[in-house]
Amino acid sequence: MIRIVLENLLLFFLPTLAYVAYRLLMSSTAGRKGPAIDDAPFFMLFAAGAAVVIASLAFFASHSGGRPGEAYAPPVMRDGKIVPGHKIDQPPAPPVGPAGAPPQPGQGAAGADKRNPG
């Protein structure tokens, strides 16, 4: 869980880190002294960081995971070796008949096939 939080924080601060690196590079070549973040556009850096985090979350939410009908087999120990986890295809489910179809002979309720002669 902490890894996920740290990754999102890194993505959030990425535009700010790029801005500070650019300002430090430009100030050293121009011969200026002083903090690189004095006149930083904090709102724009905040918005850019939030956009990067949202874009990365949206990308991985839509491009990760398996196909429908695919299952995940976790890592297992076989013959003293760890077999890594992998995705497997599940067999298709048997077809289901229509909901309003009459019961087939022998499958209906008890005594449904027998007629009461009266």
N, C-alpha and C. Protein backbone atom coordinates (compact mmCIF):
# COMPACT_ATOMS: atom_id res chain seq x y z
N MET A 1 0.82 -1.19 0.00
CA MET A 1 0.00 0.00 0.00
C MET A 1 0.87 1.26 0.00
N ILE A 2 1.94 1.22 0.77
CA ILE A 2 2.81 2.39 0.83
C ILE A 2 3.48 2.64 -0.52
N ARG A 3 3.73 1.57 -1.27
CA ARG A 3 4.33 1.72 -2.60
C ARG A 3 3.41 2.50 -3.52
N ILE A 4 2.13 2.20 -3.46
CA ILE A 4 1.16 2.88 -4.32
C ILE A 4 1.08 4.37 -3.96
N VAL A 5 1.08 4.66 -2.67
CA VAL A 5 1.03 6.06 -2.22
C VAL A 5 2.28 6.80 -2.67
N LEU A 6 3.45 6.18 -2.51
CA LEU A 6 4.69 6.83 -2.92
C LEU A 6 4.76 7.05 -4.43
N GLU A 7 4.26 6.09 -5.20
CA GLU A 7 4.25 6.26 -6.66
C GLU A 7 3.36 7.43 -7.05
N ASN A 8 2.18 7.53 -6.43
CA ASN A 8 1.28 8.64 -6.77
C ASN A 8 1.86 9.98 -6.32
N LEU A 9 2.53 10.01 -5.17
CA LEU A 9 3.18 11.25 -4.74
C LEU A 9 4.30 11.66 -5.70
N LEU A 10 5.08 10.69 -6.16
CA LEU A 10 6.13 10.99 -7.13
C LEU A 10 5.52 11.56 -8.41
N LEU A 11 4.45 10.95 -8.88
CA LEU A 11 3.79 11.46 -10.09
C LEU A 11 3.24 12.86 -9.85
N PHE A 12 2.71 13.11 -8.64
CA PHE A 12 2.16 14.42 -8.33
C PHE A 12 3.24 15.50 -8.32
N PHE A 13 4.41 15.18 -7.76
CA PHE A 13 5.48 16.17 -7.66
C PHE A 13 6.38 16.21 -8.89
N LEU A 14 6.14 15.38 -9.88
CA LEU A 14 6.98 15.34 -11.08
C LEU A 14 7.02 16.68 -11.81
N PRO A 15 5.89 17.36 -12.06
CA PRO A 15 5.99 18.67 -12.71
C PRO A 15 6.78 19.69 -11.88
N THR A 16 6.63 19.66 -10.56
CA THR A 16 7.36 20.59 -9.71
C THR A 16 8.85 20.29 -9.76
N LEU A 17 9.21 19.01 -9.73
CA LEU A 17 10.63 18.64 -9.81
C LEU A 17 11.23 19.06 -11.15
N ALA A 18 10.48 18.89 -12.22
CA ALA A 18 10.96 19.31 -13.54
C ALA A 18 11.13 20.83 -13.58
N TYR A 19 10.19 21.57 -12.99
CA TYR A 19 10.28 23.03 -12.96
C TYR A 19 11.51 23.49 -12.17
N VAL A 20 11.71 22.90 -10.99
CA VAL A 20 12.86 23.28 -10.16
C VAL A 20 14.17 22.94 -10.88
N ALA A 21 14.24 21.77 -11.51
CA ALA A 21 15.45 21.40 -12.25
C ALA A 21 15.71 22.37 -13.40
N TYR A 22 14.67 22.77 -14.09
CA TYR A 22 14.81 23.72 -15.20
C TYR A 22 15.30 25.07 -14.68
N ARG A 23 14.69 25.54 -13.57
CA ARG A 23 15.10 26.83 -13.02
C ARG A 23 16.54 26.79 -12.52
N LEU A 24 16.94 25.69 -11.89
CA LEU A 24 18.34 25.57 -11.43
C LEU A 24 19.30 25.55 -12.61
N LEU A 25 18.93 24.85 -13.65
CA LEU A 25 19.79 24.80 -14.84
C LEU A 25 19.91 26.16 -15.49
N MET A 26 18.79 26.87 -15.61
CA MET A 26 18.82 28.18 -16.26
C MET A 26 19.53 29.22 -15.38
N SER A 27 19.36 29.13 -14.07
CA SER A 27 20.02 30.12 -13.21
C SER A 27 21.53 29.90 -13.18
N SER A 28 21.98 28.67 -13.30
CA SER A 28 23.42 28.43 -13.29
C SER A 28 24.06 28.87 -14.60
N THR A 29 23.35 28.77 -15.72
CA THR A 29 23.91 29.22 -16.99
C THR A 29 23.81 30.73 -17.12
N ALA A 30 22.81 31.36 -16.48
CA ALA A 30 22.65 32.81 -16.57
C ALA A 30 23.45 33.52 -15.49
N GLY A 31 23.98 32.80 -14.52
CA GLY A 31 24.78 33.39 -13.47
C GLY A 31 23.96 34.01 -12.36
N ARG A 32 22.65 33.69 -12.29
CA ARG A 32 21.80 34.23 -11.23
C ARG A 32 21.94 33.38 -9.98
N LYS A 33 21.75 34.01 -8.85
CA LYS A 33 21.77 33.30 -7.58
C LYS A 33 20.41 33.43 -6.93
N GLY A 34 20.08 32.52 -6.02
CA GLY A 34 18.81 32.61 -5.29
C GLY A 34 18.02 31.33 -5.45
N PRO A 35 16.99 31.19 -4.63
CA PRO A 35 16.17 29.99 -4.69
C PRO A 35 15.47 29.83 -6.04
N ALA A 36 15.35 28.59 -6.48
CA ALA A 36 14.75 28.33 -7.79
C ALA A 36 13.23 28.35 -7.73
N ILE A 37 12.66 28.43 -6.56
CA ILE A 37 11.21 28.31 -6.45
C ILE A 37 10.56 29.60 -5.93
N ASP A 38 11.30 30.71 -5.95
CA ASP A 38 10.76 31.98 -5.44
C ASP A 38 9.47 32.38 -6.13
N ASP A 39 9.48 32.49 -7.41
CA ASP A 39 8.31 32.95 -8.17
C ASP A 39 7.65 31.81 -8.92
N ALA A 40 7.59 30.65 -8.31
CA ALA A 40 7.03 29.47 -8.97
C ALA A 40 5.51 29.60 -9.10
N PRO A 41 4.97 29.15 -10.22
CA PRO A 41 3.50 29.17 -10.40
C PRO A 41 2.89 27.96 -9.67
N PHE A 42 2.70 28.08 -8.37
CA PHE A 42 2.29 26.93 -7.55
C PHE A 42 0.95 26.35 -7.99
N PHE A 43 -0.01 27.20 -8.34
CA PHE A 43 -1.31 26.66 -8.76
C PHE A 43 -1.18 25.84 -10.03
N MET A 44 -0.40 26.31 -10.98
CA MET A 44 -0.22 25.56 -12.23
C MET A 44 0.54 24.26 -11.99
N LEU A 45 1.53 24.30 -11.10
CA LEU A 45 2.25 23.07 -10.78
C LEU A 45 1.35 22.07 -10.07
N PHE A 46 0.48 22.56 -9.17
CA PHE A 46 -0.49 21.70 -8.50
C PHE A 46 -1.45 21.08 -9.52
N ALA A 47 -1.97 21.90 -10.41
CA ALA A 47 -2.90 21.40 -11.44
C ALA A 47 -2.22 20.41 -12.37
N ALA A 48 -0.98 20.68 -12.75
CA ALA A 48 -0.26 19.76 -13.64
C ALA A 48 0.01 18.43 -12.93
N GLY A 49 0.38 18.48 -11.65
CA GLY A 49 0.62 17.25 -10.89
C GLY A 49 -0.65 16.44 -10.75
N ALA A 50 -1.77 17.12 -10.46
CA ALA A 50 -3.05 16.41 -10.34
C ALA A 50 -3.44 15.79 -11.68
N ALA A 51 -3.19 16.51 -12.78
CA ALA A 51 -3.51 15.97 -14.10
C ALA A 51 -2.68 14.74 -14.42
N VAL A 52 -1.40 14.75 -14.05
CA VAL A 52 -0.53 13.59 -14.30
C VAL A 52 -1.02 12.38 -13.50
N VAL A 53 -1.38 12.59 -12.24
CA VAL A 53 -1.87 11.48 -11.40
C VAL A 53 -3.18 10.93 -11.97
N ILE A 54 -4.12 11.81 -12.31
CA ILE A 54 -5.41 11.37 -12.85
C ILE A 54 -5.23 10.64 -14.17
N ALA A 55 -4.36 11.16 -15.03
CA ALA A 55 -4.12 10.52 -16.33
C ALA A 55 -3.48 9.14 -16.14
N SER A 56 -2.54 9.01 -15.22
CA SER A 56 -1.90 7.71 -15.01
C SER A 56 -2.88 6.71 -14.40
N LEU A 57 -3.72 7.15 -13.47
CA LEU A 57 -4.72 6.26 -12.89
C LEU A 57 -5.73 5.81 -13.95
N ALA A 58 -6.17 6.73 -14.80
CA ALA A 58 -7.12 6.38 -15.86
C ALA A 58 -6.49 5.42 -16.86
N PHE A 59 -5.23 5.65 -17.20
CA PHE A 59 -4.56 4.78 -18.16
C PHE A 59 -4.44 3.36 -17.62
N PHE A 60 -3.95 3.23 -16.40
CA PHE A 60 -3.75 1.89 -15.85
C PHE A 60 -5.06 1.20 -15.50
N ALA A 61 -6.10 1.96 -15.22
CA ALA A 61 -7.41 1.35 -14.96
C ALA A 61 -8.01 0.77 -16.23
N SER A 62 -7.72 1.39 -17.37
CA SER A 62 -8.31 0.90 -18.61
C SER A 62 -7.40 -0.04 -19.39
N HIS A 63 -6.11 -0.10 -19.07
CA HIS A 63 -5.19 -0.96 -19.81
C HIS A 63 -4.57 -2.07 -18.98
N SER A 64 -5.03 -2.27 -17.77
CA SER A 64 -4.49 -3.33 -16.94
C SER A 64 -5.54 -4.40 -16.74
N GLY A 65 -5.10 -5.55 -16.32
CA GLY A 65 -6.04 -6.62 -16.05
C GLY A 65 -6.20 -7.54 -17.25
N GLY A 66 -7.01 -8.54 -17.04
CA GLY A 66 -7.19 -9.54 -18.08
C GLY A 66 -8.44 -9.32 -18.89
N ARG A 67 -8.59 -10.17 -19.86
CA ARG A 67 -9.78 -10.14 -20.71
C ARG A 67 -10.95 -10.75 -19.95
N PRO A 68 -12.16 -10.49 -20.39
CA PRO A 68 -13.31 -11.15 -19.76
C PRO A 68 -13.19 -12.67 -19.92
N GLY A 69 -13.48 -13.39 -18.88
CA GLY A 69 -13.38 -14.85 -18.91
C GLY A 69 -12.01 -15.37 -18.55
N GLU A 70 -11.07 -14.47 -18.26
CA GLU A 70 -9.72 -14.87 -17.91
C GLU A 70 -9.59 -14.84 -16.39
N ALA A 71 -8.85 -15.78 -15.84
CA ALA A 71 -8.67 -15.86 -14.40
C ALA A 71 -7.17 -15.79 -14.09
N TYR A 72 -6.85 -15.47 -12.84
CA TYR A 72 -5.47 -15.38 -12.39
C TYR A 72 -5.15 -16.59 -11.52
N ALA A 73 -4.08 -17.29 -11.87
CA ALA A 73 -3.60 -18.40 -11.05
C ALA A 73 -2.43 -17.87 -10.22
N PRO A 74 -2.54 -17.87 -8.90
CA PRO A 74 -1.47 -17.31 -8.06
C PRO A 74 -0.21 -18.18 -8.11
N PRO A 75 0.92 -17.64 -7.65
CA PRO A 75 2.15 -18.44 -7.61
C PRO A 75 1.97 -19.65 -6.70
N VAL A 76 2.54 -20.78 -7.12
CA VAL A 76 2.46 -22.01 -6.33
C VAL A 76 3.85 -22.65 -6.27
N MET A 77 4.03 -23.52 -5.29
CA MET A 77 5.28 -24.25 -5.13
C MET A 77 5.09 -25.64 -5.74
N ARG A 78 5.88 -25.97 -6.77
CA ARG A 78 5.82 -27.29 -7.40
C ARG A 78 7.23 -27.84 -7.49
N ASP A 79 7.41 -29.03 -6.95
CA ASP A 79 8.70 -29.72 -6.99
C ASP A 79 9.83 -28.84 -6.43
N GLY A 80 9.53 -28.08 -5.38
CA GLY A 80 10.54 -27.27 -4.75
C GLY A 80 10.85 -25.97 -5.47
N LYS A 81 10.12 -25.65 -6.53
CA LYS A 81 10.33 -24.42 -7.28
C LYS A 81 9.05 -23.61 -7.27
N ILE A 82 9.21 -22.30 -7.29
CA ILE A 82 8.04 -21.42 -7.32
C ILE A 82 7.65 -21.19 -8.77
N VAL A 83 6.43 -21.56 -9.09
CA VAL A 83 5.87 -21.29 -10.43
C VAL A 83 5.18 -19.93 -10.33
N PRO A 84 5.61 -18.93 -11.12
CA PRO A 84 5.03 -17.60 -11.00
C PRO A 84 3.55 -17.58 -11.36
N GLY A 85 2.87 -16.57 -10.86
CA GLY A 85 1.46 -16.40 -11.17
C GLY A 85 1.28 -16.09 -12.65
N HIS A 86 0.15 -16.50 -13.18
CA HIS A 86 -0.12 -16.27 -14.60
C HIS A 86 -1.62 -16.23 -14.82
N LYS A 87 -2.01 -15.76 -15.99
CA LYS A 87 -3.42 -15.70 -16.35
C LYS A 87 -3.80 -16.97 -17.10
N ILE A 88 -4.98 -17.48 -16.82
CA ILE A 88 -5.46 -18.69 -17.48
C ILE A 88 -6.86 -18.42 -18.04
N ASP A 89 -7.17 -19.10 -19.12
CA ASP A 89 -8.52 -19.00 -19.68
C ASP A 89 -9.42 -19.99 -18.97
N GLN A 90 -10.57 -19.53 -18.56
CA GLN A 90 -11.55 -20.41 -17.93
C GLN A 90 -12.40 -21.03 -19.02
N PRO A 91 -12.86 -22.28 -18.81
CA PRO A 91 -13.74 -22.88 -19.81
C PRO A 91 -15.05 -22.10 -19.85
N PRO A 92 -15.67 -22.02 -21.02
CA PRO A 92 -16.92 -21.27 -21.11
C PRO A 92 -18.02 -21.92 -20.28
N ALA A 93 -18.89 -21.11 -19.74
CA ALA A 93 -20.01 -21.60 -18.94
C ALA A 93 -21.02 -22.27 -19.87
N PRO A 94 -21.73 -23.29 -19.38
CA PRO A 94 -22.73 -23.93 -20.23
C PRO A 94 -23.85 -22.96 -20.56
N PRO A 95 -24.42 -23.12 -21.74
CA PRO A 95 -25.49 -22.19 -22.12
C PRO A 95 -26.70 -22.35 -21.21
N VAL A 96 -27.34 -21.24 -20.97
CA VAL A 96 -28.52 -21.22 -20.11
C VAL A 96 -29.73 -21.03 -20.99
N GLY A 97 -30.77 -21.83 -20.75
CA GLY A 97 -31.98 -21.72 -21.55
C GLY A 97 -32.77 -20.47 -21.20
N PRO A 98 -33.78 -20.16 -21.99
CA PRO A 98 -34.58 -18.98 -21.71
C PRO A 98 -35.34 -19.14 -20.40
N ALA A 99 -35.62 -18.04 -19.74
CA ALA A 99 -36.23 -18.07 -18.42
C ALA A 99 -37.65 -18.61 -18.45
N GLY A 100 -38.38 -18.37 -19.52
CA GLY A 100 -39.77 -18.78 -19.56
C GLY A 100 -40.00 -20.12 -20.25
N ALA A 101 -38.94 -20.86 -20.53
CA ALA A 101 -39.10 -22.13 -21.24
C ALA A 101 -39.75 -23.17 -20.32
N PRO A 102 -40.63 -24.01 -20.86
CA PRO A 102 -41.27 -25.03 -20.03
C PRO A 102 -40.24 -26.08 -19.62
N PRO A 103 -40.43 -26.70 -18.46
CA PRO A 103 -39.47 -27.72 -18.01
C PRO A 103 -39.51 -28.93 -18.93
N GLN A 104 -38.36 -29.53 -19.12
CA GLN A 104 -38.25 -30.73 -19.94
C GLN A 104 -38.77 -31.91 -19.13
N PRO A 105 -39.20 -33.00 -19.78
CA PRO A 105 -39.66 -34.17 -19.05
C PRO A 105 -38.57 -34.69 -18.11
N GLY A 106 -38.94 -34.93 -16.88
CA GLY A 106 -37.99 -35.44 -15.89
C GLY A 106 -37.25 -34.35 -15.16
N GLN A 107 -37.37 -33.08 -15.59
CA GLN A 107 -36.65 -31.99 -14.95
C GLN A 107 -37.58 -31.05 -14.20
N GLY A 108 -38.87 -31.22 -14.35
CA GLY A 108 -39.82 -30.30 -13.74
C GLY A 108 -40.04 -30.61 -12.27
N ALA A 109 -41.03 -29.96 -11.70
CA ALA A 109 -41.36 -30.19 -10.30
C ALA A 109 -41.87 -31.60 -10.13
N ALA A 110 -41.83 -32.12 -8.88
CA ALA A 110 -42.26 -33.48 -8.61
C ALA A 110 -43.72 -33.65 -9.02
N GLY A 111 -43.97 -34.63 -9.85
CA GLY A 111 -45.34 -34.92 -10.28
C GLY A 111 -45.85 -34.01 -11.38
N ALA A 112 -45.01 -33.15 -11.95
CA ALA A 112 -45.49 -32.24 -12.99
C ALA A 112 -45.78 -32.98 -14.29
N ASP A 113 -45.08 -34.12 -14.53
CA ASP A 113 -45.29 -34.85 -15.76
C ASP A 113 -46.45 -35.82 -15.65
N LYS A 114 -46.87 -36.12 -14.46
CA LYS A 114 -47.95 -37.10 -14.27
C LYS A 114 -49.28 -36.36 -14.30
N ARG A 115 -50.24 -37.01 -14.89
CA ARG A 115 -51.58 -36.42 -14.91
C ARG A 115 -52.45 -37.13 -13.91
N ASN A 116 -53.19 -36.37 -13.23
CA ASN A 116 -54.11 -36.93 -12.25
C ASN A 116 -55.41 -37.29 -12.96
N PRO A 117 -55.67 -38.57 -13.08
CA PRO A 117 -56.88 -38.95 -13.83
C PRO A 117 -58.15 -38.55 -13.11
N GLY A 118 -58.07 -38.22 -11.90
CA GLY A 118 -59.17 -37.61 -11.23
C GLY A 118 -60.02 -38.35 -10.39
